Amino acid sequence: MAVEFNKRVAERFIKDFDNIDNKSVRVDYGLVAGWFGIYITFALFLVKITLGLLSGSVSLIANAFHLLSHLANSIILVVSFRVTARPATEKNPFGHGRMEHVAPLVMSILLFVSGIQIVEKSLHQVFSPHQLHYYPALLWILLLTIIIKHWLSRFVSFLGERVDSRAILANAAHHKIESVMTLTVAGGLIAGHYLHRPELDGYIGIFISAWLLYQGYTHGREAIVPLLGQAPDKDIIKKIRKTAKSVEGIEDVHEIIVHDYGSMYLISLHAEIPEKYGIIEMHEIIERSEQKLRKTFGGEAVCHADPLMEKSPKIQAIEKMFKEIVNTFPQIVSYHDFRVVDGNHDRVIIVADIDLKEDIPDESSRQISRELEARVKEEIQDVQYCSFYITPKFSY
């Protein structure tokens, strides 16, 4: 029932509501979530700051200023999605999609500032408490604000989940927190009044400030990771691999690299194609693969052709021994692009790309490569030397 109601509300403000893969529709989702947050939060702020001043409750005043941080969050959300919608420019050729990740970072800073300000006032109430002006209507008004904020959090979460937006979901989390905070403040006011302990109001304020600081840390950490360069989701990698392999002529793909710019992907990969196709046909296969990737994921795709050589019985025997050696190294996940190159005086050169486990540090990769080469030269005859390329952690 609640989901259906939220859907009907959203459909009144978002054109082409179900076309969530469209960039402009995605922007509309963010704008609706932001504007709803701005109007409702500002109205609740006026109500709570009035109640706080009339009652003299530091926790209620702190709760009102907490709403100001939510108001700022919603404003940032609107601004960030408007900037995200801007087309690419000469200075920003990849568009402005990553502004969506900047919004939660700014939100986290505002939460930190609010938490520090509130804890100062709360400590004063704990050590120098003043009597509160309690009246029954206060609790009923607070209950109404809780209901409104709870619905707002559910509505914004609904929008964020549909377009899988970190910024919208972070904004929804703030609205949900506000409902819990208001309920805590109301409980403190009741206990302080009937137990004649006005300092409880200060303790509630300290609790609110501690929660704000924690949320600021959490959202800041989640915002910084994608800005630094987050590892792509495993489902995206699987979908890219499946899409590329669906093109006739491509046997397999490796070294997939994905750059996420919010509004677009930049994808590069190596496609394994049997050498029997020839250079011209290989190029056409690669072109078809790139076009299919662009159509599926948007943005740009670049594919590199890796010819698969016809392997003679001798090369097959060498690769079998090489595979047995690789399997004895627990740090190695797999290998690809295995080739045997004729060297001098009936000696050969072995070339391969090596995939290590994710937790292997970069400084250990050279040592593993040297140890692998030593084992290969020791156990496989006529090997002149080896050339191993350790696949970077950012490729899959």
Protein backbone atom coordinates (compact mmCIF):
# COMPACT_ATOMS: atom_id res chain seq x y z
CA MET A 1 0.00 0.00 0.00
CA ALA A 2 2.75 2.46 0.98
CA VAL A 3 4.81 1.64 -2.13
CA GLU A 4 1.81 2.14 -4.38
CA PHE A 5 1.05 5.51 -2.74
CA ASN A 6 4.67 6.64 -3.14
CA LYS A 7 4.58 5.57 -6.78
CA ARG A 8 1.45 7.60 -7.46
CA VAL A 9 2.95 10.68 -5.83
CA ALA A 10 6.20 10.31 -7.80
CA GLU A 11 4.38 9.80 -11.12
CA ARG A 12 2.67 13.18 -10.69
CA PHE A 13 6.05 14.94 -10.66
CA ILE A 14 8.28 12.71 -12.85
CA LYS A 15 7.53 12.38 -16.54
CA ASP A 16 8.33 9.03 -18.14
CA PHE A 17 8.52 7.60 -14.60
CA ASP A 18 9.46 4.01 -15.60
CA ASN A 19 12.30 4.93 -17.99
CA ILE A 20 14.92 4.86 -15.21
CA ASP A 21 17.82 4.21 -17.63
CA ASN A 22 17.31 7.63 -19.18
CA LYS A 23 19.70 10.25 -17.80
CA SER A 24 17.14 13.08 -17.73
CA VAL A 25 14.62 10.88 -15.90
CA ARG A 26 17.29 9.96 -13.36
CA VAL A 27 17.92 13.66 -12.79
CA ASP A 28 14.19 14.24 -12.26
CA TYR A 29 14.21 11.57 -9.53
CA GLY A 30 16.95 13.45 -7.70
CA LEU A 31 15.22 16.81 -8.09
CA VAL A 32 11.88 15.53 -6.80
CA ALA A 33 13.57 13.91 -3.79
CA GLY A 34 15.46 17.14 -3.09
CA TRP A 35 12.54 19.57 -3.44
CA PHE A 36 10.24 17.43 -1.30
CA GLY A 37 12.96 17.39 1.35
CA ILE A 38 13.43 21.18 1.17
CA TYR A 39 9.76 22.15 1.55
CA ILE A 40 8.85 19.63 4.23
CA THR A 41 12.06 19.99 6.23
CA PHE A 42 11.86 23.80 6.30
CA ALA A 43 8.26 23.65 7.55
CA LEU A 44 9.21 21.19 10.29
CA PHE A 45 12.20 23.34 11.26
CA LEU A 46 9.92 26.32 11.88
CA VAL A 47 7.63 24.16 14.00
CA LYS A 48 10.43 22.63 16.09
CA ILE A 49 12.45 25.80 16.66
CA THR A 50 9.24 27.46 17.91
CA LEU A 51 8.49 24.54 20.23
CA GLY A 52 12.09 24.50 21.45
CA LEU A 53 12.14 28.20 22.28
CA LEU A 54 8.77 28.02 24.05
CA SER A 55 9.76 24.98 26.12
CA GLY A 56 13.41 25.93 26.67
CA SER A 57 14.50 22.41 25.63
CA VAL A 58 18.09 22.29 24.39
CA SER A 59 17.53 18.84 22.86
CA LEU A 60 14.51 20.10 20.93
CA ILE A 61 16.42 23.18 19.72
CA ALA A 62 19.30 20.86 18.77
CA ASN A 63 16.79 18.67 16.96
CA ALA A 64 15.58 21.73 15.04
CA PHE A 65 19.13 22.65 14.00
CA HIS A 66 19.63 19.04 13.00
CA LEU A 67 16.76 19.68 10.59
CA LEU A 68 18.75 22.57 9.14
CA SER A 69 21.47 20.10 8.19
CA HIS A 70 18.77 18.03 6.47
CA LEU A 71 17.57 21.14 4.69
CA ALA A 72 21.11 21.80 3.49
CA ASN A 73 21.40 18.16 2.41
CA SER A 74 18.28 18.47 0.28
CA ILE A 75 19.52 21.74 -1.25
CA ILE A 76 22.84 20.08 -2.08
CA LEU A 77 20.93 17.16 -3.61
CA VAL A 78 19.00 19.48 -5.93
CA VAL A 79 22.13 21.42 -6.89
CA SER A 80 24.19 18.27 -7.51
CA PHE A 81 21.56 16.73 -9.79
CA ARG A 82 21.21 19.98 -11.72
CA VAL A 83 24.98 20.05 -12.22
CA THR A 84 24.94 16.34 -13.13
CA ALA A 85 22.44 17.08 -15.89
CA ARG A 86 24.80 19.54 -17.56
CA PRO A 87 26.38 18.26 -20.80
CA ALA A 88 30.09 17.57 -21.17
CA THR A 89 32.30 20.60 -21.73
CA GLU A 90 35.84 21.23 -22.90
CA LYS A 91 37.09 21.27 -19.30
CA ASN A 92 34.86 18.36 -18.22
CA PRO A 93 34.78 16.03 -21.25
CA PHE A 94 33.35 13.12 -19.22
CA GLY A 95 30.32 15.10 -18.04
CA HIS A 96 29.39 16.05 -14.49
CA GLY A 97 27.97 12.74 -13.23
CA ARG A 98 30.44 12.42 -10.36
CA MET A 99 28.85 15.43 -8.66
CA GLU A 100 26.37 12.84 -7.40
CA HIS A 101 29.21 11.47 -5.24
CA VAL A 102 30.27 14.93 -4.06
CA ALA A 103 26.84 15.59 -2.50
CA PRO A 104 27.11 12.92 0.25
CA LEU A 105 30.61 14.20 1.07
CA VAL A 106 29.32 17.74 1.65
CA MET A 107 26.45 16.27 3.66
CA SER A 108 28.89 14.49 5.94
CA ILE A 109 30.75 17.75 6.63
CA LEU A 110 27.49 19.46 7.60
CA LEU A 111 26.65 16.60 9.95
CA PHE A 112 30.05 16.96 11.65
CA VAL A 113 29.53 20.71 12.15
CA SER A 114 26.01 20.19 13.54
CA GLY A 115 27.20 17.48 15.93
CA ILE A 116 29.97 19.65 17.37
CA GLN A 117 27.65 22.63 17.88
CA ILE A 118 24.95 20.56 19.55
CA VAL A 119 27.26 18.79 21.99
CA GLU A 120 28.44 22.15 23.35
CA LYS A 121 24.88 23.27 24.21
CA SER A 122 23.99 19.85 25.59
CA LEU A 123 26.95 19.77 27.97
CA HIS A 124 25.89 23.14 29.33
CA GLN A 125 22.39 21.76 30.06
CA VAL A 126 23.90 18.73 31.82
CA PHE A 127 26.17 20.72 34.16
CA SER A 128 23.99 23.84 34.53
CA PRO A 129 20.43 22.59 33.92
CA HIS A 130 17.49 24.96 33.64
CA GLN A 131 13.84 24.01 34.14
CA LEU A 132 11.82 23.22 31.00
CA HIS A 133 8.35 24.59 30.19
CA TYR A 134 6.45 21.38 29.53
CA TYR A 135 2.90 21.31 28.07
CA PRO A 136 0.90 18.26 26.82
CA ALA A 137 0.27 19.59 23.28
CA LEU A 138 4.02 19.54 22.72
CA LEU A 139 4.12 15.75 22.48
CA TRP A 140 1.21 15.53 20.03
CA ILE A 141 2.87 18.04 17.72
CA LEU A 142 6.15 16.11 17.90
CA LEU A 143 4.28 12.89 17.09
CA LEU A 144 2.85 14.54 13.96
CA THR A 145 6.34 15.64 12.86
CA ILE A 146 7.59 12.06 13.34
CA ILE A 147 4.84 10.70 11.07
CA ILE A 148 5.59 13.29 8.38
CA LYS A 149 9.35 12.70 8.49
CA HIS A 150 8.91 8.91 8.44
CA TRP A 151 6.80 9.15 5.29
CA LEU A 152 9.34 11.50 3.70
CA SER A 153 12.17 9.02 4.40
CA ARG A 154 10.15 6.17 2.84
CA PHE A 155 9.28 8.27 -0.20
CA VAL A 156 12.87 9.42 -0.84
CA SER A 157 14.16 5.85 -0.27
CA PHE A 158 11.66 4.63 -2.86
CA LEU A 159 13.06 7.12 -5.40
CA GLY A 160 16.69 6.32 -4.57
CA GLU A 161 16.24 2.55 -4.82
CA ARG A 162 14.57 2.81 -8.23
CA VAL A 163 17.55 4.62 -9.77
CA ASP A 164 20.21 3.13 -7.43
CA SER A 165 21.48 6.57 -6.39
CA ARG A 166 23.86 6.86 -3.41
CA ALA A 167 23.09 10.56 -3.03
CA ILE A 168 19.31 10.07 -2.86
CA LEU A 169 19.59 7.11 -0.49
CA ALA A 170 21.95 9.07 1.77
CA ASN A 171 19.38 11.88 1.88
CA ALA A 172 16.65 9.37 2.76
CA ALA A 173 18.78 7.99 5.60
CA HIS A 174 18.95 11.48 7.16
CA HIS A 175 15.16 11.80 7.09
CA LYS A 176 14.80 8.39 8.75
CA ILE A 177 17.31 9.35 11.44
CA GLU A 178 15.27 12.47 12.18
CA SER A 179 12.22 10.36 13.08
CA VAL A 180 14.28 8.40 15.60
CA MET A 181 15.84 11.57 16.97
CA THR A 182 12.47 13.25 17.51
CA LEU A 183 11.11 10.17 19.28
CA THR A 184 14.17 10.19 21.56
CA VAL A 185 13.69 13.90 22.31
CA ALA A 186 10.03 13.35 23.17
CA GLY A 187 10.95 10.49 25.51
CA GLY A 188 13.53 12.69 27.22
CA LEU A 189 11.04 15.52 27.70
CA ILE A 190 8.49 13.17 29.30
CA ALA A 191 11.07 11.58 31.61
CA GLY A 192 12.60 14.94 32.56
CA HIS A 193 9.20 16.41 33.38
CA TYR A 194 7.80 13.59 35.49
CA LEU A 195 11.11 12.72 37.19
CA HIS A 196 12.03 16.40 37.71
CA ARG A 197 15.40 15.85 36.04
CA PRO A 198 15.92 18.67 33.47
CA GLU A 199 19.53 17.52 32.90
CA LEU A 200 18.10 14.51 31.00
CA ASP A 201 17.40 16.97 28.19
CA GLY A 202 21.15 17.62 27.97
CA TYR A 203 21.98 13.92 27.89
CA ILE A 204 19.56 13.45 24.99
CA GLY A 205 21.30 16.32 23.20
CA ILE A 206 24.68 14.62 23.68
CA PHE A 207 23.24 11.41 22.25
CA ILE A 208 21.96 13.28 19.18
CA SER A 209 25.31 14.96 18.61
CA ALA A 210 27.18 11.63 18.92
CA TRP A 211 24.83 10.10 16.35
CA LEU A 212 25.38 13.02 13.99
CA LEU A 213 29.15 12.65 14.23
CA TYR A 214 28.90 8.92 13.53
CA GLN A 215 26.64 9.48 10.51
CA GLY A 216 28.99 12.17 9.24
CA TYR A 217 31.88 9.73 9.38
CA THR A 218 29.89 6.95 7.68
CA HIS A 219 28.58 9.04 4.79
CA GLY A 220 31.94 10.73 4.31
CA ARG A 221 33.67 7.37 3.99
CA GLU A 222 31.07 6.10 1.51
CA ALA A 223 31.38 9.28 -0.58
CA ILE A 224 35.18 9.34 -0.79
CA VAL A 225 35.55 5.76 -2.11
CA PRO A 226 33.84 6.33 -5.52
CA LEU A 227 35.62 9.66 -5.95
CA LEU A 228 39.00 7.99 -5.47
CA GLY A 229 38.08 5.24 -7.93
CA GLN A 230 35.82 2.47 -6.70
CA ALA A 231 36.11 -1.12 -7.92
CA PRO A 232 33.24 -1.90 -10.30
CA ASP A 233 30.43 -4.11 -9.11
CA LYS A 234 30.94 -7.80 -9.93
CA ASP A 235 27.57 -7.90 -11.68
CA ILE A 236 28.72 -5.14 -14.05
CA ILE A 237 31.87 -7.12 -14.91
CA LYS A 238 29.81 -10.26 -15.57
CA LYS A 239 27.41 -8.32 -17.78
CA ILE A 240 30.27 -6.72 -19.75
CA ARG A 241 31.92 -10.11 -20.27
CA LYS A 242 28.62 -11.69 -21.34
CA THR A 243 27.83 -8.82 -23.73
CA ALA A 244 31.25 -8.94 -25.41
CA LYS A 245 31.25 -12.75 -25.72
CA SER A 246 27.81 -12.64 -27.35
CA VAL A 247 29.49 -11.22 -30.48
CA GLU A 248 30.28 -14.03 -32.89
CA GLY A 249 34.02 -14.67 -33.14
CA ILE A 250 34.96 -13.65 -29.58
CA GLU A 251 35.97 -16.70 -27.54
CA ASP A 252 36.60 -14.90 -24.24
CA VAL A 253 37.56 -11.53 -22.76
CA HIS A 254 39.96 -10.42 -20.05
CA GLU A 255 41.59 -7.29 -18.57
CA ILE A 256 38.25 -5.49 -18.32
CA ILE A 257 38.68 -1.93 -17.03
CA VAL A 258 35.68 0.20 -16.04
CA HIS A 259 35.64 3.93 -15.24
CA ASP A 260 32.33 5.09 -13.73
CA TYR A 261 31.60 8.79 -14.28
CA GLY A 262 28.09 8.65 -12.84
CA SER A 263 26.31 9.48 -16.08
CA MET A 264 28.49 7.29 -18.31
CA TYR A 265 30.92 4.35 -18.36
CA LEU A 266 34.31 4.13 -20.05
CA ILE A 267 35.07 0.46 -20.76
CA SER A 268 38.15 -1.21 -22.18
CA LEU A 269 38.90 -4.91 -22.56
CA HIS A 270 40.93 -7.53 -24.42
CA ALA A 271 38.94 -9.85 -26.68
CA GLU A 272 40.33 -13.29 -27.57
CA ILE A 273 39.67 -14.05 -31.25
CA PRO A 274 40.99 -17.07 -33.23
CA GLU A 275 43.71 -15.97 -35.65
CA LYS A 276 41.95 -17.82 -38.51
CA TYR A 277 39.65 -14.81 -38.97
CA GLY A 278 42.47 -12.59 -40.26
CA ILE A 279 43.23 -8.95 -39.49
CA ILE A 280 40.36 -7.35 -41.40
CA GLU A 281 37.63 -9.63 -40.02
CA MET A 282 39.09 -9.34 -36.51
CA HIS A 283 38.74 -5.57 -36.80
CA GLU A 284 35.08 -5.92 -37.84
CA ILE A 285 34.41 -8.25 -34.89
CA ILE A 286 35.97 -5.74 -32.51
CA GLU A 287 33.88 -2.92 -34.03
CA ARG A 288 30.68 -4.93 -33.49
CA SER A 289 31.71 -5.63 -29.89
CA GLU A 290 32.38 -1.95 -29.16
CA GLN A 291 29.06 -0.89 -30.67
CA LYS A 292 27.17 -3.46 -28.60
CA LEU A 293 28.90 -2.38 -25.40
CA ARG A 294 28.16 1.31 -26.09
CA LYS A 295 24.50 0.53 -26.73
CA THR A 296 24.19 -1.59 -23.59
CA PHE A 297 26.12 0.55 -21.10
CA GLY A 298 26.30 4.00 -22.69
CA GLY A 299 29.50 6.03 -22.78
CA GLU A 300 32.50 4.65 -24.67
CA ALA A 301 34.05 1.22 -25.17
CA VAL A 302 37.46 0.24 -26.57
CA CYS A 303 38.29 -3.39 -27.38
CA HIS A 304 41.75 -4.79 -28.07
CA ALA A 305 42.04 -7.94 -30.20
CA ASP A 306 44.17 -10.78 -28.81
CA PRO A 307 44.67 -13.39 -31.58
CA LEU A 308 44.35 -16.99 -30.42
CA MET A 309 47.07 -19.04 -32.14
CA GLU A 310 46.51 -22.53 -33.40
CA LYS A 311 48.47 -24.64 -30.92
CA SER A 312 50.63 -27.49 -32.18
CA PRO A 313 50.98 -30.67 -30.11
CA LYS A 314 54.34 -29.39 -28.87
CA ILE A 315 52.85 -26.09 -27.65
CA GLN A 316 49.92 -27.90 -26.06
CA ALA A 317 52.37 -30.10 -24.15
CA ILE A 318 54.32 -27.05 -22.96
CA GLU A 319 51.15 -25.29 -21.82
CA LYS A 320 50.02 -28.39 -19.92
CA MET A 321 53.31 -28.41 -17.96
CA PHE A 322 53.05 -24.64 -17.45
CA LYS A 323 49.53 -24.99 -16.07
CA GLU A 324 50.66 -27.66 -13.60
CA ILE A 325 53.41 -25.32 -12.35
CA VAL A 326 50.97 -22.39 -12.03
CA ASN A 327 48.58 -24.51 -9.96
CA THR A 328 51.30 -24.95 -7.31
CA PHE A 329 51.32 -21.17 -6.67
CA PRO A 330 48.50 -20.31 -4.22
CA GLN A 331 48.87 -16.58 -5.01
CA ILE A 332 47.96 -17.09 -8.70
CA VAL A 333 44.28 -17.20 -9.66
CA SER A 334 44.67 -17.87 -13.39
CA TYR A 335 46.57 -16.94 -16.54
CA HIS A 336 45.71 -15.96 -20.10
CA ASP A 337 47.36 -14.91 -23.38
CA PHE A 338 49.72 -17.90 -23.18
CA ARG A 339 52.16 -17.91 -26.10
CA VAL A 340 55.31 -19.77 -27.08
CA VAL A 341 57.79 -17.78 -29.18
CA ASP A 342 60.66 -19.39 -31.05
CA GLY A 343 64.01 -18.28 -29.67
CA ASN A 344 67.58 -19.05 -30.70
CA HIS A 345 69.15 -22.49 -31.14
CA ASP A 346 65.95 -24.52 -30.70
CA ARG A 347 65.08 -22.71 -27.48
CA VAL A 348 61.72 -21.05 -26.78
CA ILE A 349 60.33 -18.03 -24.97
CA ILE A 350 57.16 -18.36 -22.87
CA VAL A 351 54.84 -15.34 -22.64
CA ALA A 352 51.73 -15.10 -20.44
CA ASP A 353 49.57 -12.70 -18.44
CA ILE A 354 49.21 -13.69 -14.78
CA ASP A 355 46.20 -12.91 -12.54
CA LEU A 356 47.02 -12.72 -8.82
CA LYS A 357 44.67 -12.75 -5.85
CA GLU A 358 43.30 -9.33 -4.86
CA ASP A 359 45.00 -9.32 -1.46
CA ILE A 360 48.51 -9.79 -2.89
CA PRO A 361 50.46 -6.50 -2.43
CA ASP A 362 52.03 -4.92 -5.52
CA GLU A 363 55.56 -5.24 -4.13
CA SER A 364 55.15 -9.04 -3.99
CA SER A 365 54.14 -9.41 -7.65
CA ARG A 366 57.70 -9.13 -9.02
CA GLN A 367 58.96 -11.76 -6.61
CA ILE A 368 56.15 -14.13 -7.64
CA SER A 369 56.97 -13.52 -11.30
CA ARG A 370 60.67 -14.32 -10.72
CA GLU A 371 59.83 -17.48 -8.77
CA LEU A 372 57.44 -18.63 -11.50
CA GLU A 373 60.05 -18.07 -14.20
CA ALA A 374 62.66 -20.01 -12.21
CA ARG A 375 60.29 -22.96 -11.81
CA VAL A 376 59.37 -22.91 -15.50
CA LYS A 377 63.01 -22.85 -16.68
CA GLU A 378 63.81 -25.65 -14.23
CA GLU A 379 60.95 -28.01 -15.15
CA ILE A 380 60.33 -27.27 -18.85
CA GLN A 381 63.14 -28.01 -21.26
CA ASP A 382 64.49 -25.57 -23.86
CA VAL A 383 63.01 -22.45 -22.22
CA GLN A 384 65.32 -19.50 -22.89
CA TYR A 385 63.43 -17.04 -20.69
CA CYS A 386 59.88 -16.02 -19.71
CA SER A 387 57.96 -12.78 -20.07
CA PHE A 388 55.14 -12.52 -17.54
CA TYR A 389 52.76 -9.58 -17.23
CA ILE A 390 51.02 -9.25 -13.86
CA THR A 391 47.46 -8.07 -14.48
CA PRO A 392 46.75 -4.81 -12.55
CA LYS A 393 44.20 -4.87 -9.71
CA PHE A 394 41.93 -2.48 -11.62
CA SER A 395 41.39 -4.94 -14.50
CA TYR A 396 39.20 -8.04 -14.39
